[in-house]
Amino acid sequence: MPKYIYKCKECDFVKEVVHSMQEKLKDCEECDTIDVLRRIPSFSLSLGATSNPETTGGRVKDFIDEARQELKEERESLKRKEYTND
């Protein structure tokens, strides 16, 4: 199963989780806020040798599309971030 990294938009809590590609966490257990977790692309993809090629291709495509969207969102977030020299 693939490993995912999640970061809370509210409290900046970071969590590493292993789960199926269909699953996606949304709620932060650290600050008890709903629908604030953002998945950070980890680009590690493991597929079992017994996987069905038809469903594997669809899962890989979905994973790639989702990773691209997450990267786009991260780029936009970084563009809006203000950096200070302390």
N, C-alpha and C. Protein backbone atom coordinates (compact mmCIF):
# COMPACT_ATOMS: atom_id res chain seq x y z
N MET A 1 0.84 -1.18 0.00
CA MET A 1 0.00 0.00 0.00
C MET A 1 0.88 1.25 0.00
N PRO A 2 0.42 2.28 -0.65
CA PRO A 2 1.21 3.52 -0.72
C PRO A 2 1.21 4.29 0.59
N LYS A 3 2.26 5.07 0.76
CA LYS A 3 2.41 5.91 1.93
C LYS A 3 2.03 7.34 1.55
N TYR A 4 1.24 7.99 2.40
CA TYR A 4 0.81 9.36 2.15
C TYR A 4 1.19 10.25 3.32
N ILE A 5 1.44 11.50 3.02
CA ILE A 5 1.74 12.49 4.05
C ILE A 5 0.62 13.52 4.00
N TYR A 6 0.05 13.79 5.15
CA TYR A 6 -1.02 14.77 5.27
C TYR A 6 -0.56 15.93 6.14
N LYS A 7 -1.02 17.14 5.79
CA LYS A 7 -0.72 18.32 6.58
C LYS A 7 -2.02 19.08 6.82
N CYS A 8 -2.23 19.49 8.07
CA CYS A 8 -3.43 20.23 8.43
C CYS A 8 -3.27 21.70 8.04
N LYS A 9 -4.28 22.25 7.39
CA LYS A 9 -4.27 23.65 6.98
C LYS A 9 -4.43 24.59 8.17
N GLU A 10 -4.97 24.08 9.26
CA GLU A 10 -5.22 24.91 10.44
C GLU A 10 -4.05 24.94 11.42
N CYS A 11 -3.58 23.74 11.82
CA CYS A 11 -2.56 23.68 12.89
C CYS A 11 -1.18 23.23 12.39
N ASP A 12 -1.03 22.98 11.08
CA ASP A 12 0.23 22.55 10.47
C ASP A 12 0.72 21.18 10.97
N PHE A 13 -0.17 20.40 11.57
CA PHE A 13 0.15 19.05 12.00
C PHE A 13 0.46 18.20 10.78
N VAL A 14 1.53 17.42 10.83
CA VAL A 14 1.92 16.56 9.71
C VAL A 14 1.83 15.11 10.17
N LYS A 15 1.25 14.28 9.32
CA LYS A 15 1.03 12.88 9.65
C LYS A 15 1.35 12.02 8.44
N GLU A 16 2.06 10.93 8.66
CA GLU A 16 2.38 9.97 7.60
C GLU A 16 1.49 8.74 7.80
N VAL A 17 0.80 8.34 6.74
CA VAL A 17 -0.19 7.26 6.83
C VAL A 17 -0.02 6.31 5.65
N VAL A 18 -0.24 5.04 5.91
CA VAL A 18 -0.25 4.04 4.84
C VAL A 18 -1.70 3.56 4.68
N HIS A 19 -2.25 3.74 3.48
CA HIS A 19 -3.60 3.27 3.21
C HIS A 19 -3.79 3.08 1.71
N SER A 20 -4.96 2.58 1.34
CA SER A 20 -5.23 2.30 -0.07
C SER A 20 -5.36 3.60 -0.86
N MET A 21 -5.23 3.50 -2.18
CA MET A 21 -5.31 4.67 -3.05
C MET A 21 -6.70 5.29 -3.05
N GLN A 22 -7.72 4.50 -2.77
CA GLN A 22 -9.09 5.02 -2.79
C GLN A 22 -9.41 5.84 -1.54
N GLU A 23 -8.67 5.61 -0.48
CA GLU A 23 -8.94 6.29 0.79
C GLU A 23 -8.28 7.67 0.81
N LYS A 24 -8.92 8.63 1.46
CA LYS A 24 -8.34 9.96 1.61
C LYS A 24 -8.82 10.55 2.93
N LEU A 25 -7.87 10.94 3.78
CA LEU A 25 -8.21 11.53 5.06
C LEU A 25 -8.55 13.01 4.88
N LYS A 26 -9.47 13.50 5.70
CA LYS A 26 -9.90 14.90 5.58
C LYS A 26 -9.88 15.64 6.90
N ASP A 27 -10.10 14.93 8.02
CA ASP A 27 -10.25 15.56 9.32
C ASP A 27 -8.97 15.44 10.15
N CYS A 28 -8.59 16.54 10.80
CA CYS A 28 -7.39 16.56 11.62
C CYS A 28 -7.71 16.07 13.03
N GLU A 29 -7.01 15.03 13.44
CA GLU A 29 -7.23 14.49 14.78
C GLU A 29 -6.48 15.31 15.84
N GLU A 30 -5.53 16.11 15.42
CA GLU A 30 -4.74 16.92 16.35
C GLU A 30 -5.55 18.13 16.85
N CYS A 31 -6.18 18.87 15.93
CA CYS A 31 -6.94 20.07 16.32
C CYS A 31 -8.45 19.86 16.23
N ASP A 32 -8.87 18.63 15.90
CA ASP A 32 -10.30 18.28 15.79
C ASP A 32 -11.07 19.17 14.83
N THR A 33 -10.43 19.53 13.73
CA THR A 33 -11.09 20.35 12.71
C THR A 33 -11.46 19.46 11.53
N ILE A 34 -12.61 19.72 10.94
CA ILE A 34 -13.14 18.89 9.87
C ILE A 34 -12.72 19.43 8.51
N ASP A 35 -12.37 18.52 7.62
CA ASP A 35 -12.07 18.82 6.22
C ASP A 35 -10.92 19.83 6.04
N VAL A 36 -9.80 19.61 6.76
CA VAL A 36 -8.67 20.53 6.67
C VAL A 36 -7.36 19.84 6.29
N LEU A 37 -7.37 18.51 6.16
CA LEU A 37 -6.13 17.83 5.81
C LEU A 37 -5.87 17.91 4.32
N ARG A 38 -4.63 18.17 3.97
CA ARG A 38 -4.22 18.23 2.57
C ARG A 38 -3.14 17.16 2.39
N ARG A 39 -3.30 16.36 1.35
CA ARG A 39 -2.32 15.31 1.09
C ARG A 39 -1.16 15.91 0.33
N ILE A 40 0.04 15.69 0.84
CA ILE A 40 1.25 16.17 0.21
C ILE A 40 1.79 15.04 -0.65
N PRO A 41 2.05 15.28 -1.91
CA PRO A 41 2.53 14.21 -2.79
C PRO A 41 3.82 13.60 -2.28
N SER A 42 3.85 12.28 -2.23
CA SER A 42 5.06 11.58 -1.80
C SER A 42 5.70 10.84 -2.97
N PHE A 43 4.96 10.68 -4.05
CA PHE A 43 5.43 10.06 -5.28
C PHE A 43 5.98 8.65 -5.10
N SER A 44 5.53 7.97 -4.07
CA SER A 44 5.87 6.56 -3.95
C SER A 44 4.61 5.77 -4.26
N LEU A 45 4.73 4.85 -5.18
CA LEU A 45 3.58 4.10 -5.64
C LEU A 45 3.96 2.63 -5.66
N SER A 46 3.29 1.82 -4.88
CA SER A 46 3.59 0.40 -4.88
C SER A 46 2.34 -0.36 -5.29
N LEU A 47 2.51 -1.25 -6.24
CA LEU A 47 1.40 -2.05 -6.73
C LEU A 47 1.75 -3.52 -6.54
N GLY A 48 0.81 -4.28 -6.03
CA GLY A 48 1.05 -5.69 -5.81
C GLY A 48 1.18 -6.46 -7.12
N ALA A 49 1.92 -7.55 -7.11
CA ALA A 49 2.14 -8.34 -8.31
C ALA A 49 0.86 -9.02 -8.78
N THR A 50 -0.10 -9.17 -7.90
CA THR A 50 -1.35 -9.84 -8.27
C THR A 50 -2.43 -8.85 -8.69
N SER A 51 -2.09 -7.59 -8.87
CA SER A 51 -3.08 -6.59 -9.25
C SER A 51 -3.63 -6.85 -10.64
N ASN A 52 -4.88 -6.55 -10.82
CA ASN A 52 -5.54 -6.66 -12.11
C ASN A 52 -5.07 -5.49 -12.98
N PRO A 53 -4.51 -5.74 -14.18
CA PRO A 53 -3.99 -4.65 -15.01
C PRO A 53 -5.02 -3.60 -15.39
N GLU A 54 -6.27 -4.01 -15.58
CA GLU A 54 -7.30 -3.04 -15.95
C GLU A 54 -7.54 -2.03 -14.83
N THR A 55 -7.68 -2.52 -13.62
CA THR A 55 -7.92 -1.61 -12.50
C THR A 55 -6.64 -0.90 -12.08
N THR A 56 -5.50 -1.54 -12.25
CA THR A 56 -4.23 -0.91 -11.89
C THR A 56 -3.98 0.32 -12.74
N GLY A 57 -4.22 0.23 -14.03
CA GLY A 57 -4.02 1.37 -14.92
C GLY A 57 -4.90 2.54 -14.54
N GLY A 58 -6.14 2.25 -14.20
CA GLY A 58 -7.07 3.30 -13.78
C GLY A 58 -6.63 3.94 -12.47
N ARG A 59 -6.15 3.10 -11.55
CA ARG A 59 -5.68 3.61 -10.26
C ARG A 59 -4.45 4.48 -10.44
N VAL A 60 -3.54 4.05 -11.28
CA VAL A 60 -2.32 4.83 -11.52
C VAL A 60 -2.68 6.17 -12.16
N LYS A 61 -3.57 6.15 -13.14
CA LYS A 61 -4.00 7.40 -13.78
C LYS A 61 -4.63 8.33 -12.76
N ASP A 62 -5.51 7.79 -11.93
CA ASP A 62 -6.15 8.60 -10.89
C ASP A 62 -5.11 9.18 -9.94
N PHE A 63 -4.14 8.36 -9.54
CA PHE A 63 -3.08 8.82 -8.63
C PHE A 63 -2.28 9.95 -9.27
N ILE A 64 -1.92 9.80 -10.53
CA ILE A 64 -1.15 10.82 -11.23
C ILE A 64 -1.95 12.11 -11.35
N ASP A 65 -3.21 12.00 -11.72
CA ASP A 65 -4.07 13.19 -11.83
C ASP A 65 -4.20 13.89 -10.48
N GLU A 66 -4.38 13.11 -9.43
CA GLU A 66 -4.52 13.69 -8.09
C GLU A 66 -3.21 14.35 -7.64
N ALA A 67 -2.08 13.71 -7.92
CA ALA A 67 -0.78 14.28 -7.56
C ALA A 67 -0.53 15.59 -8.31
N ARG A 68 -0.91 15.64 -9.57
CA ARG A 68 -0.77 16.88 -10.34
C ARG A 68 -1.61 18.00 -9.74
N GLN A 69 -2.84 17.68 -9.35
CA GLN A 69 -3.71 18.68 -8.74
C GLN A 69 -3.13 19.16 -7.41
N GLU A 70 -2.62 18.24 -6.62
CA GLU A 70 -2.04 18.61 -5.32
C GLU A 70 -0.81 19.49 -5.53
N LEU A 71 0.02 19.17 -6.52
CA LEU A 71 1.18 20.01 -6.82
C LEU A 71 0.76 21.41 -7.26
N LYS A 72 -0.28 21.48 -8.08
CA LYS A 72 -0.78 22.77 -8.53
C LYS A 72 -1.25 23.61 -7.34
N GLU A 73 -2.00 22.98 -6.43
CA GLU A 73 -2.48 23.67 -5.25
C GLU A 73 -1.32 24.12 -4.37
N GLU A 74 -0.31 23.27 -4.23
CA GLU A 74 0.87 23.62 -3.42
C GLU A 74 1.62 24.79 -4.03
N ARG A 75 1.78 24.81 -5.36
CA ARG A 75 2.44 25.93 -6.03
C ARG A 75 1.69 27.23 -5.80
N GLU A 76 0.36 27.18 -5.94
CA GLU A 76 -0.47 28.37 -5.72
C GLU A 76 -0.34 28.84 -4.27
N SER A 77 -0.32 27.91 -3.34
CA SER A 77 -0.18 28.25 -1.93
C SER A 77 1.17 28.92 -1.67
N LEU A 78 2.22 28.41 -2.28
CA LEU A 78 3.55 28.99 -2.09
C LEU A 78 3.68 30.36 -2.75
N LYS A 79 2.96 30.58 -3.84
CA LYS A 79 2.98 31.88 -4.50
C LYS A 79 2.39 32.96 -3.59
N ARG A 80 1.36 32.58 -2.82
CA ARG A 80 0.69 33.54 -1.96
C ARG A 80 1.40 33.72 -0.61
N LYS A 81 2.31 32.83 -0.27
CA LYS A 81 2.99 32.89 1.01
C LYS A 81 3.98 34.02 1.06
N GLU A 82 4.00 34.72 2.18
CA GLU A 82 4.95 35.81 2.36
C GLU A 82 6.16 35.27 3.12
N TYR A 83 7.33 35.59 2.65
CA TYR A 83 8.56 35.17 3.30
C TYR A 83 9.21 36.38 3.97
N THR A 84 9.72 36.18 5.15
CA THR A 84 10.40 37.26 5.86
C THR A 84 11.81 36.82 6.22
N ASN A 85 12.72 37.75 6.27
CA ASN A 85 14.08 37.48 6.70
C ASN A 85 14.21 37.93 8.14
N ASP A 86 14.40 36.96 9.01
CA ASP A 86 14.53 37.28 10.43
C ASP A 86 15.97 37.22 10.87
